Amino acid sequence: MNADTLERPSRTTKGSADLASEEASSVEVLITQEEFVQRLGEFGHAELVDGKIKPMSLNNYSHGITLANLCSELRDYVRKHKLGFVLGGDVGIQVTADKPTTRGADVVFISHERMAQVTSKVFLDVAPELVVEVISPGNEWNDVFEKINQYFEMGTQLIWIVEPMFKQVRVFTSPRITTVVASDTNDTLTGGEVLPGFAVLVAELFDSGL
């Protein structure tokens, strides 16, 4: 068979429908708060950020120890003084309405007054007074600071960023005002104006009991 008899590969021309389909598949689909609530089972452990699903990683056991200690201290104090509710376990908080965003917080304190204003049956759509985030290896600081800004913008008054690796807590009373209390200097973490009278040694938050 000579070169003149070889068949050239046929060229396929994509129609407009095929091109439109490819273009549509490359566009990221945004979802609303309502869709996020309705399809929670599909997304697994995730947040909604600007209409996009953001998967969340599993936490290590040091995170779990610190979280349990902190929840226990807060719950006992809040129950004793009948101040409201302490919620734990990546509580969903709807932080913005214009760009659908639901964040997960490790622990929150919300007063009776604010809880009475909540209209959602699934997530908090009213700012809790206190938000606590326990840092784990999967966290990115850019994302943590973005969450801090979002919580304050919606009306949160106090944020604790707990760092088990360094055995310290960053206390934010605004996005730009922070102090650090640490275990190695025998510091005490207090509730400030949000939880007057609450106090716990920072070292006790990281005590594994071993």
C-alpha atoms as a PDB file:
ATOM      1  CA  MET A   1       0.000   0.000   0.000  1.00  0.00           C
ATOM      2  CA  ASN A   2       1.514   3.300  -1.050  1.00  0.00           C
ATOM      3  CA  ALA A   3       1.206   6.677   0.627  1.00  0.00           C
ATOM      4  CA  ASP A   4      -1.470   7.811  -1.800  1.00  0.00           C
ATOM      5  CA  THR A   5      -3.827   5.070  -0.659  1.00  0.00           C
ATOM      6  CA  LEU A   6      -3.498   5.707   3.107  1.00  0.00           C
ATOM      7  CA  GLU A   7      -6.636   7.073   4.681  1.00  0.00           C
ATOM      8  CA  ARG A   8      -6.243  10.228   6.688  1.00  0.00           C
ATOM      9  CA  PRO A   9      -7.799  10.286  10.175  1.00  0.00           C
ATOM     10  CA  SER A  10     -11.199  11.904  10.064  1.00  0.00           C
ATOM     11  CA  ARG A  11     -11.599  15.188  11.900  1.00  0.00           C
ATOM     12  CA  THR A  12     -14.634  15.564  14.124  1.00  0.00           C
ATOM     13  CA  THR A  13     -16.126  18.980  14.462  1.00  0.00           C
ATOM     14  CA  LYS A  14     -17.828  19.742  17.732  1.00  0.00           C
ATOM     15  CA  GLY A  15     -21.232  21.268  17.441  1.00  0.00           C
ATOM     16  CA  SER A  16     -22.391  24.245  19.440  1.00  0.00           C
ATOM     17  CA  ALA A  17     -24.310  21.962  21.815  1.00  0.00           C
ATOM     18  CA  ASP A  18     -21.136  20.013  22.675  1.00  0.00           C
ATOM     19  CA  LEU A  19     -19.155  23.191  23.274  1.00  0.00           C
ATOM     20  CA  ALA A  20     -21.892  24.622  25.463  1.00  0.00           C
ATOM     21  CA  SER A  21     -21.971  21.402  27.490  1.00  0.00           C
ATOM     22  CA  GLU A  22     -18.203  21.495  28.077  1.00  0.00           C
ATOM     23  CA  GLU A  23     -18.327  25.149  29.073  1.00  0.00           C
ATOM     24  CA  ALA A  24     -21.168  24.524  31.513  1.00  0.00           C
ATOM     25  CA  SER A  25     -19.320  21.621  33.146  1.00  0.00           C
ATOM     26  CA  SER A  26     -16.271  23.828  33.777  1.00  0.00           C
ATOM     27  CA  VAL A  27     -18.311  26.480  35.603  1.00  0.00           C
ATOM     28  CA  GLU A  28     -18.475  26.014  39.389  1.00  0.00           C
ATOM     29  CA  VAL A  29     -22.060  25.688  40.547  1.00  0.00           C
ATOM     30  CA  LEU A  30     -22.986  27.887  43.510  1.00  0.00           C
ATOM     31  CA  ILE A  31     -25.664  26.875  45.978  1.00  0.00           C
ATOM     32  CA  THR A  32     -27.884  28.809  48.377  1.00  0.00           C
ATOM     33  CA  GLN A  33     -28.199  28.486  52.137  1.00  0.00           C
ATOM     34  CA  GLU A  34     -31.509  26.662  51.635  1.00  0.00           C
ATOM     35  CA  GLU A  35     -29.946  24.128  49.254  1.00  0.00           C
ATOM     36  CA  PHE A  36     -27.066  23.569  51.665  1.00  0.00           C
ATOM     37  CA  VAL A  37     -29.506  22.743  54.463  1.00  0.00           C
ATOM     38  CA  GLN A  38     -31.598  20.444  52.269  1.00  0.00           C
ATOM     39  CA  ARG A  39     -28.568  18.521  50.945  1.00  0.00           C
ATOM     40  CA  LEU A  40     -26.462  18.286  54.115  1.00  0.00           C
ATOM     41  CA  GLY A  41     -26.199  14.516  53.806  1.00  0.00           C
ATOM     42  CA  GLU A  42     -24.582  14.781  50.377  1.00  0.00           C
ATOM     43  CA  PHE A  43     -21.753  17.100  51.425  1.00  0.00           C
ATOM     44  CA  GLY A  44     -20.541  15.316  54.549  1.00  0.00           C
ATOM     45  CA  HIS A  45     -18.353  17.326  56.942  1.00  0.00           C
ATOM     46  CA  ALA A  46     -18.239  20.694  55.174  1.00  0.00           C
ATOM     47  CA  GLU A  47     -18.859  24.431  55.345  1.00  0.00           C
ATOM     48  CA  LEU A  48     -20.550  26.695  52.798  1.00  0.00           C
ATOM     49  CA  VAL A  49     -18.311  29.628  51.797  1.00  0.00           C
ATOM     50  CA  ASP A  50     -19.565  32.179  49.265  1.00  0.00           C
ATOM     51  CA  GLY A  51     -21.931  29.578  47.841  1.00  0.00           C
ATOM     52  CA  LYS A  52     -19.194  26.930  47.467  1.00  0.00           C
ATOM     53  CA  ILE A  53     -18.766  23.709  49.427  1.00  0.00           C
ATOM     54  CA  LYS A  54     -15.586  23.663  51.550  1.00  0.00           C
ATOM     55  CA  PRO A  55     -14.765  20.190  52.952  1.00  0.00           C
ATOM     56  CA  MET A  56     -13.510  20.019  56.530  1.00  0.00           C
ATOM     57  CA  SER A  57     -10.842  17.567  57.683  1.00  0.00           C
ATOM     58  CA  LEU A  58     -11.020  15.231  60.673  1.00  0.00           C
ATOM     59  CA  ASN A  59      -9.445  16.464  63.909  1.00  0.00           C
ATOM     60  CA  ASN A  60      -6.661  14.802  65.913  1.00  0.00           C
ATOM     61  CA  TYR A  61      -7.100  13.566  69.478  1.00  0.00           C
ATOM     62  CA  SER A  62      -5.320  16.529  71.120  1.00  0.00           C
ATOM     63  CA  HIS A  63      -7.973  18.722  69.496  1.00  0.00           C
ATOM     64  CA  GLY A  64     -10.641  16.472  70.999  1.00  0.00           C
ATOM     65  CA  ILE A  65      -9.117  16.600  74.507  1.00  0.00           C
ATOM     66  CA  THR A  66      -8.916  20.397  74.472  1.00  0.00           C
ATOM     67  CA  LEU A  67     -12.416  20.736  73.044  1.00  0.00           C
ATOM     68  CA  ALA A  68     -13.931  18.448  75.673  1.00  0.00           C
ATOM     69  CA  ASN A  69     -12.168  20.277  78.533  1.00  0.00           C
ATOM     70  CA  LEU A  70     -13.286  23.666  77.251  1.00  0.00           C
ATOM     71  CA  CYS A  71     -16.887  22.586  76.703  1.00  0.00           C
ATOM     72  CA  SER A  72     -17.016  21.164  80.216  1.00  0.00           C
ATOM     73  CA  GLU A  73     -15.720  24.351  81.837  1.00  0.00           C
ATOM     74  CA  LEU A  74     -18.063  26.599  79.860  1.00  0.00           C
ATOM     75  CA  ARG A  75     -21.128  24.395  80.241  1.00  0.00           C
ATOM     76  CA  ASP A  76     -20.750  24.114  84.020  1.00  0.00           C
ATOM     77  CA  TYR A  77     -20.416  27.887  84.416  1.00  0.00           C
ATOM     78  CA  VAL A  78     -23.243  28.779  82.038  1.00  0.00           C
ATOM     79  CA  ARG A  79     -25.615  26.221  83.580  1.00  0.00           C
ATOM     80  CA  LYS A  80     -24.810  27.309  87.124  1.00  0.00           C
ATOM     81  CA  HIS A  81     -25.637  30.938  86.336  1.00  0.00           C
ATOM     82  CA  LYS A  82     -28.472  30.132  83.873  1.00  0.00           C
ATOM     83  CA  LEU A  83     -26.955  32.363  81.186  1.00  0.00           C
ATOM     84  CA  GLY A  84     -27.916  30.504  78.017  1.00  0.00           C
ATOM     85  CA  PHE A  85     -26.502  27.657  75.948  1.00  0.00           C
ATOM     86  CA  VAL A  86     -23.088  26.156  75.205  1.00  0.00           C
ATOM     87  CA  LEU A  87     -23.062  24.339  71.855  1.00  0.00           C
ATOM     88  CA  GLY A  88     -20.206  22.184  70.559  1.00  0.00           C
ATOM     89  CA  GLY A  89     -19.205  20.099  67.563  1.00  0.00           C
ATOM     90  CA  ASP A  90     -18.840  22.381  64.521  1.00  0.00           C
ATOM     91  CA  VAL A  91     -22.060  24.276  65.136  1.00  0.00           C
ATOM     92  CA  GLY A  92     -23.345  25.744  61.872  1.00  0.00           C
ATOM     93  CA  ILE A  93     -23.490  29.562  61.872  1.00  0.00           C
ATOM     94  CA  GLN A  94     -24.979  31.475  58.929  1.00  0.00           C
ATOM     95  CA  VAL A  95     -22.560  34.398  58.867  1.00  0.00           C
ATOM     96  CA  THR A  96     -23.639  36.210  55.681  1.00  0.00           C
ATOM     97  CA  ALA A  97     -26.786  36.481  53.604  1.00  0.00           C
ATOM     98  CA  ASP A  98     -25.589  38.215  50.423  1.00  0.00           C
ATOM     99  CA  LYS A  99     -22.930  35.535  49.760  1.00  0.00           C
ATOM    100  CA  PRO A 100     -24.296  32.265  51.169  1.00  0.00           C
ATOM    101  CA  THR A 101     -21.841  31.277  53.908  1.00  0.00           C
ATOM    102  CA  THR A 102     -22.324  28.851  56.790  1.00  0.00           C
ATOM    103  CA  ARG A 103     -19.324  28.322  59.040  1.00  0.00           C
ATOM    104  CA  GLY A 104     -18.693  25.558  61.552  1.00  0.00           C
ATOM    105  CA  ALA A 105     -17.543  26.617  65.036  1.00  0.00           C
ATOM    106  CA  ASP A 106     -16.026  24.239  67.572  1.00  0.00           C
ATOM    107  CA  VAL A 107     -17.820  25.800  70.555  1.00  0.00           C
ATOM    108  CA  VAL A 108     -20.183  28.731  71.017  1.00  0.00           C
ATOM    109  CA  PHE A 109     -21.964  30.419  73.872  1.00  0.00           C
ATOM    110  CA  ILE A 110     -25.277  32.053  73.034  1.00  0.00           C
ATOM    111  CA  SER A 111     -27.489  33.770  75.590  1.00  0.00           C
ATOM    112  CA  HIS A 112     -31.170  33.061  76.138  1.00  0.00           C
ATOM    113  CA  GLU A 113     -31.980  36.456  74.601  1.00  0.00           C
ATOM    114  CA  ARG A 114     -30.120  35.775  71.357  1.00  0.00           C
ATOM    115  CA  MET A 115     -31.272  32.175  71.081  1.00  0.00           C
ATOM    116  CA  ALA A 116     -34.859  33.414  71.201  1.00  0.00           C
ATOM    117  CA  GLN A 117     -34.146  35.395  68.016  1.00  0.00           C
ATOM    118  CA  VAL A 118     -32.931  32.398  66.013  1.00  0.00           C
ATOM    119  CA  THR A 119     -35.336  31.597  63.159  1.00  0.00           C
ATOM    120  CA  SER A 120     -33.535  28.686  61.473  1.00  0.00           C
ATOM    121  CA  LYS A 121     -34.331  25.151  62.647  1.00  0.00           C
ATOM    122  CA  VAL A 122     -30.885  23.889  61.639  1.00  0.00           C
ATOM    123  CA  PHE A 123     -28.159  26.564  61.966  1.00  0.00           C
ATOM    124  CA  LEU A 124     -27.648  29.660  64.078  1.00  0.00           C
ATOM    125  CA  ASP A 125     -28.724  32.709  62.063  1.00  0.00           C
ATOM    126  CA  VAL A 126     -28.067  35.017  65.031  1.00  0.00           C
ATOM    127  CA  ALA A 127     -24.536  35.709  66.248  1.00  0.00           C
ATOM    128  CA  PRO A 128     -23.497  33.891  69.426  1.00  0.00           C
ATOM    129  CA  GLU A 129     -21.770  36.120  71.957  1.00  0.00           C
ATOM    130  CA  LEU A 130     -18.709  33.827  72.134  1.00  0.00           C
ATOM    131  CA  VAL A 131     -17.127  31.678  69.416  1.00  0.00           C
ATOM    132  CA  VAL A 132     -14.264  29.265  70.091  1.00  0.00           C
ATOM    133  CA  GLU A 133     -12.059  27.688  67.427  1.00  0.00           C
ATOM    134  CA  VAL A 134      -9.575  24.979  68.407  1.00  0.00           C
ATOM    135  CA  ILE A 135      -6.740  24.901  65.888  1.00  0.00           C
ATOM    136  CA  SER A 136      -5.820  21.551  64.316  1.00  0.00           C
ATOM    137  CA  PRO A 137      -3.171  20.689  61.672  1.00  0.00           C
ATOM    138  CA  GLY A 138      -5.769  20.923  58.900  1.00  0.00           C
ATOM    139  CA  ASN A 139      -6.573  24.582  59.611  1.00  0.00           C
ATOM    140  CA  GLU A 140      -5.202  27.387  57.423  1.00  0.00           C
ATOM    141  CA  TRP A 141      -4.607  30.719  59.155  1.00  0.00           C
ATOM    142  CA  ASN A 142      -5.983  32.747  56.238  1.00  0.00           C
ATOM    143  CA  ASP A 143      -9.267  30.916  56.633  1.00  0.00           C
ATOM    144  CA  VAL A 144      -9.219  31.286  60.422  1.00  0.00           C
ATOM    145  CA  PHE A 145      -8.800  35.066  60.183  1.00  0.00           C
ATOM    146  CA  GLU A 146     -11.547  35.248  57.559  1.00  0.00           C
ATOM    147  CA  LYS A 147     -13.882  33.460  59.964  1.00  0.00           C
ATOM    148  CA  ILE A 148     -12.903  35.835  62.769  1.00  0.00           C
ATOM    149  CA  ASN A 149     -13.887  38.823  60.621  1.00  0.00           C
ATOM    150  CA  GLN A 150     -17.157  37.178  59.610  1.00  0.00           C
ATOM    151  CA  TYR A 151     -18.136  36.370  63.205  1.00  0.00           C
ATOM    152  CA  PHE A 152     -17.464  39.924  64.384  1.00  0.00           C
ATOM    153  CA  GLU A 153     -19.310  41.413  61.413  1.00  0.00           C
ATOM    154  CA  MET A 154     -22.460  39.486  62.340  1.00  0.00           C
ATOM    155  CA  GLY A 155     -22.289  40.596  65.985  1.00  0.00           C
ATOM    156  CA  THR A 156     -20.105  38.161  67.947  1.00  0.00           C
ATOM    157  CA  GLN A 157     -18.440  39.910  70.902  1.00  0.00           C
ATOM    158  CA  LEU A 158     -15.610  37.562  71.888  1.00  0.00           C
ATOM    159  CA  ILE A 159     -13.533  34.932  70.049  1.00  0.00           C
ATOM    160  CA  TRP A 160     -11.044  32.465  71.482  1.00  0.00           C
ATOM    161  CA  ILE A 161      -8.561  30.825  69.126  1.00  0.00           C
ATOM    162  CA  VAL A 162      -7.142  27.867  71.040  1.00  0.00           C
ATOM    163  CA  GLU A 163      -3.806  26.397  69.981  1.00  0.00           C
ATOM    164  CA  PRO A 164      -3.092  22.957  71.520  1.00  0.00           C
ATOM    165  CA  MET A 165       0.339  22.771  69.869  1.00  0.00           C
ATOM    166  CA  PHE A 166       1.561  25.841  71.770  1.00  0.00           C
ATOM    167  CA  LYS A 167      -0.789  25.465  74.748  1.00  0.00           C
ATOM    168  CA  GLN A 168      -2.071  29.002  74.396  1.00  0.00           C
ATOM    169  CA  VAL A 169      -5.247  30.944  73.589  1.00  0.00           C
ATOM    170  CA  ARG A 170      -5.537  34.054  71.418  1.00  0.00           C
ATOM    171  CA  VAL A 171      -8.329  36.232  72.808  1.00  0.00           C
ATOM    172  CA  PHE A 172     -10.000  38.537  70.274  1.00  0.00           C
ATOM    173  CA  THR A 173     -12.345  41.327  71.364  1.00  0.00           C
ATOM    174  CA  SER A 174     -12.336  42.720  67.817  1.00  0.00           C
ATOM    175  CA  PRO A 175     -10.683  41.680  64.553  1.00  0.00           C
ATOM    176  CA  ARG A 176      -7.654  43.845  65.390  1.00  0.00           C
ATOM    177  CA  ILE A 177      -7.455  43.603  69.179  1.00  0.00           C
ATOM    178  CA  THR A 178      -6.012  40.412  70.622  1.00  0.00           C
ATOM    179  CA  THR A 179      -4.118  39.199  73.657  1.00  0.00           C
ATOM    180  CA  VAL A 180      -2.439  35.853  74.245  1.00  0.00           C
ATOM    181  CA  VAL A 181      -2.778  33.800  77.422  1.00  0.00           C
ATOM    182  CA  ALA A 182      -0.519  30.787  77.791  1.00  0.00           C
ATOM    183  CA  SER A 183      -0.063  27.647  79.834  1.00  0.00           C
ATOM    184  CA  ASP A 184       3.669  28.057  80.492  1.00  0.00           C
ATOM    185  CA  THR A 185       3.167  31.418  82.193  1.00  0.00           C
ATOM    186  CA  ASN A 186       0.281  30.164  84.382  1.00  0.00           C
ATOM    187  CA  ASP A 187      -2.173  32.543  82.717  1.00  0.00           C
ATOM    188  CA  THR A 188      -5.913  32.482  83.314  1.00  0.00           C
ATOM    189  CA  LEU A 189      -8.530  32.631  80.556  1.00  0.00           C
ATOM    190  CA  THR A 190     -11.486  34.824  81.533  1.00  0.00           C
ATOM    191  CA  GLY A 191     -14.885  35.509  80.025  1.00  0.00           C
ATOM    192  CA  GLY A 192     -14.510  39.281  79.958  1.00  0.00           C
ATOM    193  CA  GLU A 193     -17.748  41.229  79.573  1.00  0.00           C
ATOM    194  CA  VAL A 194     -19.436  38.302  77.811  1.00  0.00           C
ATOM    195  CA  LEU A 195     -19.119  35.857  80.724  1.00  0.00           C
ATOM    196  CA  PRO A 196     -18.265  37.955  83.813  1.00  0.00           C
ATOM    197  CA  GLY A 197     -16.738  35.826  86.555  1.00  0.00           C
ATOM    198  CA  PHE A 198     -15.734  32.930  84.299  1.00  0.00           C
ATOM    199  CA  ALA A 199     -12.089  31.955  84.758  1.00  0.00           C
ATOM    200  CA  VAL A 200     -10.003  28.850  84.078  1.00  0.00           C
ATOM    201  CA  LEU A 201      -6.282  28.198  84.116  1.00  0.00           C
ATOM    202  CA  VAL A 202      -5.073  27.847  80.523  1.00  0.00           C
ATOM    203  CA  ALA A 203      -3.076  24.752  81.515  1.00  0.00           C
ATOM    204  CA  GLU A 204      -6.301  22.967  82.502  1.00  0.00           C
ATOM    205  CA  LEU A 205      -7.664  23.253  78.961  1.00  0.00           C
ATOM    206  CA  PHE A 206      -4.826  21.097  77.679  1.00  0.00           C
ATOM    207  CA  ASP A 207      -4.772  18.575  80.534  1.00  0.00           C
ATOM    208  CA  SER A 208      -5.154  15.059  79.113  1.00  0.00           C
ATOM    209  CA  GLY A 209      -5.473  13.479  82.556  1.00  0.00           C
ATOM    210  CA  LEU A 210      -2.575  11.129  81.821  1.00  0.00           C
END
